[in-house]
Amino acid sequence: MPTLLNIQSSPRGQNSLSRTLSQDFVTAWQAKHPEGKIVVRDLAETHLPYVGVPWITGVFLPTDQHTDEMRQALALSDALIAELFAADEILIGTPMYNFTVPANLKAWIDLVVRPRVTHSGPPDRKGLVTGKTCTLIIASGGVYDAGQPAAASDYESGYLRRVLGFIGITEVDVVLAGGTAAVSFGSATIDELADKFRPAVRAAVR
């Protein structure tokens, strides 16, 4: 039974293009995998902590030397990593904030990119989260598609590909859903804009 890990980061709820398109992806995925399992990790609701000293120190100490504070900091990291390893496919729906990832998605990344757990650490730095595929749905106010004047300002898709590849997830599809400024200024609705990207979203479903 395949498992899809559905990670969402937008705080906009029903007014979010990344969430709207992600739901289209999930619906199409369920049609292809009627016995499949979907695990939702909503980063707008979870409010993950940022990495701090207890987490950093605990990562590099043997477990028998962990303090209660270290164990507590690492417990959430362990849970997020377990979700990642248990998934066959990963969906990340996210807005673009200032050309890159929002803080809640960066917090998730910092908690799951962990030496000797999701990557081997030096000297080889081999990714350990293998056999997974990932689809990124990135909504943005501007349009950053290849060939567009603003394309060079898309630091988000390249960063996500790099960090996912670093932990071993190298099969990554990206749907760049630009133009949400039209919704913000009232010249288009979410559904009208979503219609432009739905074929690409459906095509990304394996």
C-alpha atoms as a PDB file:
ATOM      1  CA  MET A   1       0.000   0.000   0.000  1.00  0.00           C
ATOM      2  CA  PRO A   2       1.689   3.253  -1.123  1.00  0.00           C
ATOM      3  CA  THR A   3       1.886   6.195   1.244  1.00  0.00           C
ATOM      4  CA  LEU A   4       1.813   9.867   0.243  1.00  0.00           C
ATOM      5  CA  LEU A   5       3.237  12.413   2.684  1.00  0.00           C
ATOM      6  CA  ASN A   6       1.373  15.667   2.017  1.00  0.00           C
ATOM      7  CA  ILE A   7       3.292  18.664   3.413  1.00  0.00           C
ATOM      8  CA  GLN A   8       1.537  22.019   3.280  1.00  0.00           C
ATOM      9  CA  SER A   9       2.925  25.378   4.409  1.00  0.00           C
ATOM     10  CA  SER A  10       0.593  28.152   3.226  1.00  0.00           C
ATOM     11  CA  PRO A  11      -1.369  30.019   5.933  1.00  0.00           C
ATOM     12  CA  ARG A  12      -4.034  31.134   3.429  1.00  0.00           C
ATOM     13  CA  GLY A  13      -6.367  28.127   3.713  1.00  0.00           C
ATOM     14  CA  GLN A  14      -8.959  28.043   0.902  1.00  0.00           C
ATOM     15  CA  ASN A  15      -7.423  31.208  -0.563  1.00  0.00           C
ATOM     16  CA  SER A  16      -4.136  29.414  -1.183  1.00  0.00           C
ATOM     17  CA  LEU A  17      -3.198  28.413  -4.720  1.00  0.00           C
ATOM     18  CA  SER A  18      -0.606  25.910  -3.498  1.00  0.00           C
ATOM     19  CA  ARG A  19      -3.227  24.220  -1.293  1.00  0.00           C
ATOM     20  CA  THR A  20      -5.839  24.241  -4.073  1.00  0.00           C
ATOM     21  CA  LEU A  21      -3.466  22.606  -6.532  1.00  0.00           C
ATOM     22  CA  SER A  22      -2.185  20.216  -3.866  1.00  0.00           C
ATOM     23  CA  GLN A  23      -5.750  19.031  -3.275  1.00  0.00           C
ATOM     24  CA  ASP A  24      -6.069  18.406  -7.023  1.00  0.00           C
ATOM     25  CA  PHE A  25      -2.880  16.354  -6.843  1.00  0.00           C
ATOM     26  CA  VAL A  26      -4.183  14.375  -3.861  1.00  0.00           C
ATOM     27  CA  THR A  27      -7.508  13.671  -5.588  1.00  0.00           C
ATOM     28  CA  ALA A  28      -5.733  12.407  -8.709  1.00  0.00           C
ATOM     29  CA  TRP A  29      -3.313  10.382  -6.584  1.00  0.00           C
ATOM     30  CA  GLN A  30      -6.178   8.747  -4.699  1.00  0.00           C
ATOM     31  CA  ALA A  31      -7.815   7.799  -7.993  1.00  0.00           C
ATOM     32  CA  LYS A  32      -4.626   6.027  -9.048  1.00  0.00           C
ATOM     33  CA  HIS A  33      -3.994   4.520  -5.597  1.00  0.00           C
ATOM     34  CA  PRO A  34      -7.424   3.789  -4.073  1.00  0.00           C
ATOM     35  CA  GLU A  35      -5.813   1.677  -1.346  1.00  0.00           C
ATOM     36  CA  GLY A  36      -3.115   4.254  -0.656  1.00  0.00           C
ATOM     37  CA  LYS A  37      -2.542   6.096   2.604  1.00  0.00           C
ATOM     38  CA  ILE A  38      -2.199   9.873   2.905  1.00  0.00           C
ATOM     39  CA  VAL A  39      -0.365  11.480   5.823  1.00  0.00           C
ATOM     40  CA  VAL A  40      -0.861  15.235   6.158  1.00  0.00           C
ATOM     41  CA  ARG A  41       1.731  17.459   7.797  1.00  0.00           C
ATOM     42  CA  ASP A  42       0.290  20.974   7.894  1.00  0.00           C
ATOM     43  CA  LEU A  43       3.127  23.302   8.797  1.00  0.00           C
ATOM     44  CA  ALA A  44       0.787  26.286   9.115  1.00  0.00           C
ATOM     45  CA  GLU A  45      -0.924  24.455  11.988  1.00  0.00           C
ATOM     46  CA  THR A  46       1.985  22.529  13.535  1.00  0.00           C
ATOM     47  CA  HIS A  47       4.133  25.595  14.395  1.00  0.00           C
ATOM     48  CA  LEU A  48       7.456  23.784  14.394  1.00  0.00           C
ATOM     49  CA  PRO A  49      10.214  25.183  16.611  1.00  0.00           C
ATOM     50  CA  TYR A  50      13.434  26.419  15.106  1.00  0.00           C
ATOM     51  CA  VAL A  51      16.572  24.394  15.673  1.00  0.00           C
ATOM     52  CA  GLY A  52      18.267  25.392  18.936  1.00  0.00           C
ATOM     53  CA  VAL A  53      21.217  24.384  21.087  1.00  0.00           C
ATOM     54  CA  PRO A  54      19.563  21.287  22.662  1.00  0.00           C
ATOM     55  CA  TRP A  55      18.833  19.877  19.188  1.00  0.00           C
ATOM     56  CA  ILE A  56      22.266  20.725  17.803  1.00  0.00           C
ATOM     57  CA  THR A  57      24.108  19.331  20.826  1.00  0.00           C
ATOM     58  CA  GLY A  58      21.936  16.218  21.002  1.00  0.00           C
ATOM     59  CA  VAL A  59      22.498  15.356  17.357  1.00  0.00           C
ATOM     60  CA  PHE A  60      26.218  14.921  17.955  1.00  0.00           C
ATOM     61  CA  LEU A  61      26.091  13.135  21.326  1.00  0.00           C
ATOM     62  CA  PRO A  62      25.407   9.441  22.032  1.00  0.00           C
ATOM     63  CA  THR A  63      21.828   8.889  23.198  1.00  0.00           C
ATOM     64  CA  ASP A  64      22.941   7.833  26.673  1.00  0.00           C
ATOM     65  CA  GLN A  65      24.376  11.338  27.156  1.00  0.00           C
ATOM     66  CA  HIS A  66      21.199  13.184  26.201  1.00  0.00           C
ATOM     67  CA  THR A  67      19.541  15.485  28.693  1.00  0.00           C
ATOM     68  CA  ASP A  68      15.751  15.655  28.967  1.00  0.00           C
ATOM     69  CA  GLU A  69      15.836  18.888  26.989  1.00  0.00           C
ATOM     70  CA  MET A  70      17.824  17.234  24.196  1.00  0.00           C
ATOM     71  CA  ARG A  71      15.476  14.240  24.114  1.00  0.00           C
ATOM     72  CA  GLN A  72      12.480  16.538  23.850  1.00  0.00           C
ATOM     73  CA  ALA A  73      14.063  18.564  21.035  1.00  0.00           C
ATOM     74  CA  LEU A  74      14.992  15.431  19.099  1.00  0.00           C
ATOM     75  CA  ALA A  75      11.644  13.685  19.638  1.00  0.00           C
ATOM     76  CA  LEU A  76       9.850  15.972  17.190  1.00  0.00           C
ATOM     77  CA  SER A  77      12.690  15.613  14.714  1.00  0.00           C
ATOM     78  CA  ASP A  78      12.403  11.818  15.070  1.00  0.00           C
ATOM     79  CA  ALA A  79       8.651  11.955  14.361  1.00  0.00           C
ATOM     80  CA  LEU A  80       9.063  14.099  11.247  1.00  0.00           C
ATOM     81  CA  ILE A  81      11.847  11.885   9.953  1.00  0.00           C
ATOM     82  CA  ALA A  82       9.766   8.763  10.586  1.00  0.00           C
ATOM     83  CA  GLU A  83       6.995  10.251   8.413  1.00  0.00           C
ATOM     84  CA  LEU A  84       9.549  10.876   5.682  1.00  0.00           C
ATOM     85  CA  PHE A  85      10.967   7.353   5.744  1.00  0.00           C
ATOM     86  CA  ALA A  86       7.484   5.800   5.831  1.00  0.00           C
ATOM     87  CA  ALA A  87       6.354   7.644   2.683  1.00  0.00           C
ATOM     88  CA  ASP A  88       6.718   6.363  -0.860  1.00  0.00           C
ATOM     89  CA  GLU A  89       5.872   9.736  -2.369  1.00  0.00           C
ATOM     90  CA  ILE A  90       6.095  13.257  -0.993  1.00  0.00           C
ATOM     91  CA  LEU A  91       4.031  16.273  -1.983  1.00  0.00           C
ATOM     92  CA  ILE A  92       5.184  19.713  -0.859  1.00  0.00           C
ATOM     93  CA  GLY A  93       2.752  22.570  -1.448  1.00  0.00           C
ATOM     94  CA  THR A  94       4.260  25.933  -0.597  1.00  0.00           C
ATOM     95  CA  PRO A  95       4.175  29.622  -1.388  1.00  0.00           C
ATOM     96  CA  MET A  96       7.275  31.548  -2.377  1.00  0.00           C
ATOM     97  CA  TYR A  97       8.249  34.208   0.153  1.00  0.00           C
ATOM     98  CA  ASN A  98      10.867  36.725  -0.944  1.00  0.00           C
ATOM     99  CA  PHE A  99      12.137  34.383  -3.677  1.00  0.00           C
ATOM    100  CA  THR A 100      12.574  31.351  -1.401  1.00  0.00           C
ATOM    101  CA  VAL A 101      10.875  29.074   1.145  1.00  0.00           C
ATOM    102  CA  PRO A 102       8.654  30.308   3.994  1.00  0.00           C
ATOM    103  CA  ALA A 103       9.988  30.022   7.540  1.00  0.00           C
ATOM    104  CA  ASN A 104       7.751  27.105   8.514  1.00  0.00           C
ATOM    105  CA  LEU A 105       9.014  24.968   5.627  1.00  0.00           C
ATOM    106  CA  LYS A 106      12.614  25.915   6.434  1.00  0.00           C
ATOM    107  CA  ALA A 107      11.983  24.828  10.041  1.00  0.00           C
ATOM    108  CA  TRP A 108      10.774  21.428   8.777  1.00  0.00           C
ATOM    109  CA  ILE A 109      13.844  21.097   6.555  1.00  0.00           C
ATOM    110  CA  ASP A 110      16.208  21.929   9.419  1.00  0.00           C
ATOM    111  CA  LEU A 111      14.567  19.284  11.623  1.00  0.00           C
ATOM    112  CA  VAL A 112      14.712  16.481   9.029  1.00  0.00           C
ATOM    113  CA  VAL A 113      18.154  17.118   7.516  1.00  0.00           C
ATOM    114  CA  ARG A 114      20.087  15.285  10.198  1.00  0.00           C
ATOM    115  CA  PRO A 115      23.555  13.698  10.083  1.00  0.00           C
ATOM    116  CA  ARG A 116      23.709   9.927  10.469  1.00  0.00           C
ATOM    117  CA  VAL A 117      19.917   9.749  10.121  1.00  0.00           C
ATOM    118  CA  THR A 118      18.870  11.300   6.788  1.00  0.00           C
ATOM    119  CA  HIS A 119      22.378  11.805   5.453  1.00  0.00           C
ATOM    120  CA  SER A 120      25.594  10.028   6.315  1.00  0.00           C
ATOM    121  CA  GLY A 121      27.603  13.127   7.214  1.00  0.00           C
ATOM    122  CA  PRO A 122      31.256  13.579   6.224  1.00  0.00           C
ATOM    123  CA  PRO A 123      33.260  12.477   4.432  1.00  0.00           C
ATOM    124  CA  ASP A 124      30.886  11.130   1.750  1.00  0.00           C
ATOM    125  CA  ARG A 125      27.674  12.982   2.760  1.00  0.00           C
ATOM    126  CA  LYS A 126      25.461  10.331   1.213  1.00  0.00           C
ATOM    127  CA  GLY A 127      21.690  10.766   1.279  1.00  0.00           C
ATOM    128  CA  LEU A 128      19.918   8.050   3.255  1.00  0.00           C
ATOM    129  CA  VAL A 129      16.275   8.783   2.334  1.00  0.00           C
ATOM    130  CA  THR A 130      16.225   6.752  -0.864  1.00  0.00           C
ATOM    131  CA  GLY A 131      13.549   5.209  -3.045  1.00  0.00           C
ATOM    132  CA  LYS A 132      11.221   8.228  -2.756  1.00  0.00           C
ATOM    133  CA  THR A 133       9.713  10.598  -5.283  1.00  0.00           C
ATOM    134  CA  CYS A 134       8.627  14.176  -4.633  1.00  0.00           C
ATOM    135  CA  THR A 135       6.360  16.733  -6.276  1.00  0.00           C
ATOM    136  CA  LEU A 136       6.778  20.428  -5.465  1.00  0.00           C
ATOM    137  CA  ILE A 137       3.894  22.826  -6.070  1.00  0.00           C
ATOM    138  CA  ILE A 138       5.188  26.367  -5.628  1.00  0.00           C
ATOM    139  CA  ALA A 139       2.787  29.305  -5.759  1.00  0.00           C
ATOM    140  CA  SER A 140       4.186  32.790  -6.240  1.00  0.00           C
ATOM    141  CA  GLY A 141       2.960  36.322  -6.815  1.00  0.00           C
ATOM    142  CA  GLY A 142       5.240  36.785  -9.791  1.00  0.00           C
ATOM    143  CA  VAL A 143       5.962  34.454 -12.698  1.00  0.00           C
ATOM    144  CA  TYR A 144       9.342  32.735 -12.524  1.00  0.00           C
ATOM    145  CA  ASP A 145       9.089  30.156 -15.314  1.00  0.00           C
ATOM    146  CA  ALA A 146      12.187  29.479 -17.404  1.00  0.00           C
ATOM    147  CA  GLY A 147      12.587  32.129 -20.047  1.00  0.00           C
ATOM    148  CA  GLN A 148      10.752  34.798 -18.059  1.00  0.00           C
ATOM    149  CA  PRO A 149      12.635  37.957 -16.999  1.00  0.00           C
ATOM    150  CA  ALA A 150      12.225  37.075 -13.293  1.00  0.00           C
ATOM    151  CA  ALA A 151      13.299  33.424 -13.642  1.00  0.00           C
ATOM    152  CA  ALA A 152      16.709  34.059 -12.078  1.00  0.00           C
ATOM    153  CA  SER A 153      14.997  35.187  -8.863  1.00  0.00           C
ATOM    154  CA  ASP A 154      13.472  31.754  -8.234  1.00  0.00           C
ATOM    155  CA  TYR A 155      15.774  30.534  -5.487  1.00  0.00           C
ATOM    156  CA  GLU A 156      13.094  28.275  -4.025  1.00  0.00           C
ATOM    157  CA  SER A 157      12.798  25.456  -6.537  1.00  0.00           C
ATOM    158  CA  GLY A 158      16.575  25.087  -6.892  1.00  0.00           C
ATOM    159  CA  TYR A 159      17.078  25.142  -3.140  1.00  0.00           C
ATOM    160  CA  LEU A 160      14.396  22.523  -2.541  1.00  0.00           C
ATOM    161  CA  ARG A 161      15.816  20.263  -5.252  1.00  0.00           C
ATOM    162  CA  ARG A 162      19.269  20.609  -3.694  1.00  0.00           C
ATOM    163  CA  VAL A 163      18.274  19.949  -0.096  1.00  0.00           C
ATOM    164  CA  LEU A 164      16.020  17.023  -1.045  1.00  0.00           C
ATOM    165  CA  GLY A 165      18.818  15.566  -3.167  1.00  0.00           C
ATOM    166  CA  PHE A 166      21.213  15.986  -0.263  1.00  0.00           C
ATOM    167  CA  ILE A 167      19.128  13.569   1.824  1.00  0.00           C
ATOM    168  CA  GLY A 168      18.669  11.161  -1.083  1.00  0.00           C
ATOM    169  CA  ILE A 169      15.430  12.299  -2.789  1.00  0.00           C
ATOM    170  CA  THR A 170      16.563  12.969  -6.337  1.00  0.00           C
ATOM    171  CA  GLU A 171      13.400  12.260  -8.355  1.00  0.00           C
ATOM    172  CA  VAL A 172      11.658  15.625  -7.987  1.00  0.00           C
ATOM    173  CA  ASP A 173       8.987  17.226 -10.188  1.00  0.00           C
ATOM    174  CA  VAL A 174       8.287  20.949  -9.905  1.00  0.00           C
ATOM    175  CA  VAL A 175       5.093  22.810 -10.773  1.00  0.00           C
ATOM    176  CA  LEU A 176       5.730  26.559 -10.724  1.00  0.00           C
ATOM    177  CA  ALA A 177       2.336  28.202 -10.231  1.00  0.00           C
ATOM    178  CA  GLY A 178       3.055  31.888 -10.656  1.00  0.00           C
ATOM    179  CA  GLY A 179       0.751  34.862 -10.893  1.00  0.00           C
ATOM    180  CA  THR A 180      -1.082  34.890  -7.565  1.00  0.00           C
ATOM    181  CA  ALA A 181      -0.713  38.681  -7.500  1.00  0.00           C
ATOM    182  CA  ALA A 182      -3.684  38.702  -9.892  1.00  0.00           C
ATOM    183  CA  VAL A 183      -5.807  37.116  -7.166  1.00  0.00           C
ATOM    184  CA  SER A 184      -4.527  39.507  -4.513  1.00  0.00           C
ATOM    185  CA  PHE A 185      -5.449  42.499  -6.689  1.00  0.00           C
ATOM    186  CA  GLY A 186      -8.846  41.080  -7.639  1.00  0.00           C
ATOM    187  CA  SER A 187      -8.312  40.496 -11.358  1.00  0.00           C
ATOM    188  CA  ALA A 188      -8.631  36.698 -11.115  1.00  0.00           C
ATOM    189  CA  THR A 189     -10.020  34.080  -8.751  1.00  0.00           C
ATOM    190  CA  ILE A 190      -8.114  31.186  -7.234  1.00  0.00           C
ATOM    191  CA  ASP A 191     -10.030  28.693  -9.386  1.00  0.00           C
ATOM    192  CA  GLU A 192      -9.424  30.677 -12.565  1.00  0.00           C
ATOM    193  CA  LEU A 193      -5.717  30.775 -11.870  1.00  0.00           C
ATOM    194  CA  ALA A 194      -5.622  27.145 -10.744  1.00  0.00           C
ATOM    195  CA  ASP A 195      -7.135  26.040 -14.073  1.00  0.00           C
ATOM    196  CA  LYS A 196      -3.913  27.134 -15.787  1.00  0.00           C
ATOM    197  CA  PHE A 197      -1.834  24.710 -13.748  1.00  0.00           C
ATOM    198  CA  ARG A 198      -4.159  21.734 -13.240  1.00  0.00           C
ATOM    199  CA  PRO A 199      -2.906  19.834 -16.330  1.00  0.00           C
ATOM    200  CA  ALA A 200       0.690  20.071 -15.057  1.00  0.00           C
ATOM    201  CA  VAL A 201      -0.390  18.972 -11.570  1.00  0.00           C
ATOM    202  CA  ARG A 202      -2.271  15.945 -12.915  1.00  0.00           C
ATOM    203  CA  ALA A 203       0.673  15.056 -15.145  1.00  0.00           C
ATOM    204  CA  ALA A 204       2.928  14.982 -12.081  1.00  0.00           C
ATOM    205  CA  VAL A 205       0.886  12.224 -10.408  1.00  0.00           C
ATOM    206  CA  ARG A 206       2.739   8.935 -10.737  1.00  0.00           C
END
